[in-house]
Every structure is written in C-alpha cells, then in structure tokens.
Amino acid sequence: MNQAHIESNPTVMMGKPVIAGTRITVESILEKLAHGESTEQILEAHPRLKQDDILAALEFAAQALRGDVIYPIADKAA
C-alpha cells in the first residue's frame, strides 16, 4: 500500500486515520461500503477521492486487523 494515501493527525478528525489531504475517514469509507454503497457512488459523493484512496482504506483496515488480537463478537440473540 502507498502509505501516502492515509494519514493520522491529532488536529484532524481527532486523529482518526483519514485519506491524506481530506477529512474523509477510513472509518466512513468502510461504513459506506458495508452499507452497500458502490465505489462509484463514494467517488461521486467525494470528488477529491480516487479509486486508489478507497483501496488504501481497505488495505489499511486489513492491516489493522492483522494483529494477534481477539475481537469478541457479541451474541445477537442475547
């Protein structure tokens, strides 16, 4: 991944990872994709974004989850 796509600065969006030069968080891109928005819809809504930015956000998230950490998932039936 080109690390230049993602940055984290405590003065921008409370330090959340964002697409470099924007206030668009990796989190918001992931949420949009998870809720069924297409890459094309995201790019249309955010003209400053490029396809590579979305791919960088996905790769950043994958790397963040790659660590040896267990993420318990709550039982939805409870």
Protein backbone atom coordinates (compact mmCIF):
# COMPACT_ATOMS: atom_id res chain seq x y z
CA MET A 1 0.00 0.00 0.00
CA ASN A 2 1.11 3.51 -0.65
CA GLN A 3 1.26 4.90 2.89
CA ALA A 4 0.92 8.41 1.45
CA HIS A 5 -2.83 7.79 0.99
CA ILE A 6 -3.59 7.51 4.72
CA GLU A 7 -2.59 9.93 7.47
CA SER A 8 -3.42 10.46 11.11
CA ASN A 9 -3.07 13.85 12.75
CA PRO A 10 -4.44 14.69 16.20
CA THR A 11 -5.75 18.02 14.86
CA VAL A 12 -7.75 16.39 12.03
CA MET A 13 -10.84 14.34 12.89
CA MET A 14 -9.49 13.70 16.41
CA GLY A 15 -6.57 11.71 15.00
CA LYS A 16 -8.64 9.11 13.17
CA PRO A 17 -6.98 7.78 10.01
CA VAL A 18 -8.10 9.85 7.03
CA ILE A 19 -7.39 9.98 3.33
CA ALA A 20 -4.40 12.32 3.04
CA GLY A 21 -5.37 15.93 2.40
CA THR A 22 -9.02 15.37 3.30
CA ARG A 23 -11.24 14.97 6.35
CA ILE A 24 -12.67 11.73 4.95
CA THR A 25 -12.02 8.98 7.48
CA VAL A 26 -11.12 5.41 6.67
CA GLU A 27 -13.98 4.51 9.00
CA SER A 28 -16.53 6.42 6.90
CA ILE A 29 -15.37 4.74 3.70
CA LEU A 30 -15.67 1.31 5.32
CA GLU A 31 -19.13 2.12 6.68
CA LYS A 32 -20.33 3.26 3.27
CA LEU A 33 -19.06 0.08 1.63
CA ALA A 34 -20.57 -2.06 4.41
CA HIS A 35 -23.95 -0.42 3.87
CA GLY A 36 -23.91 -1.27 0.19
CA GLU A 37 -22.62 1.88 -1.45
CA SER A 38 -20.56 1.17 -4.51
CA THR A 39 -17.10 2.54 -5.08
CA GLU A 40 -18.56 4.64 -7.87
CA GLN A 41 -21.16 6.17 -5.52
CA ILE A 42 -18.49 7.04 -2.97
CA LEU A 43 -16.28 8.62 -5.63
CA GLU A 44 -19.22 10.61 -6.97
CA ALA A 45 -20.10 11.88 -3.49
CA HIS A 46 -16.47 12.80 -2.77
CA PRO A 47 -14.89 14.13 -5.99
CA ARG A 48 -11.46 14.56 -4.34
CA LEU A 49 -11.23 10.80 -3.74
CA LYS A 50 -9.65 8.42 -6.20
CA GLN A 51 -10.04 4.67 -6.59
CA ASP A 52 -6.58 4.22 -5.06
CA ASP A 53 -7.74 6.06 -1.92
CA ILE A 54 -10.57 3.59 -1.37
CA LEU A 55 -8.24 0.64 -1.94
CA ALA A 56 -5.76 2.17 0.51
CA ALA A 57 -8.53 2.49 3.12
CA LEU A 58 -9.40 -1.20 2.70
CA GLU A 59 -5.77 -2.24 2.93
CA PHE A 60 -5.24 -0.06 6.00
CA ALA A 61 -8.20 -1.73 7.72
CA ALA A 62 -6.93 -5.20 6.79
CA GLN A 63 -3.50 -4.40 8.22
CA ALA A 64 -5.05 -3.01 11.39
CA LEU A 65 -6.96 -6.26 11.92
CA ARG A 66 -4.00 -8.46 11.07
CA GLY A 67 -2.51 -8.22 14.58
CA ASP A 68 -2.71 -11.04 17.09
CA VAL A 69 -5.76 -9.65 18.84
CA ILE A 70 -9.03 -11.44 19.51
CA TYR A 71 -12.14 -9.44 18.68
CA PRO A 72 -15.10 -10.98 20.53
CA ILE A 73 -18.37 -10.68 18.67
CA ALA A 74 -21.44 -10.23 20.84
CA ASP A 75 -24.13 -12.86 20.51
CA LYS A 76 -27.01 -11.05 18.78
CA ALA A 77 -29.50 -13.49 20.32
CA ALA A 78 -28.67 -12.27 23.83
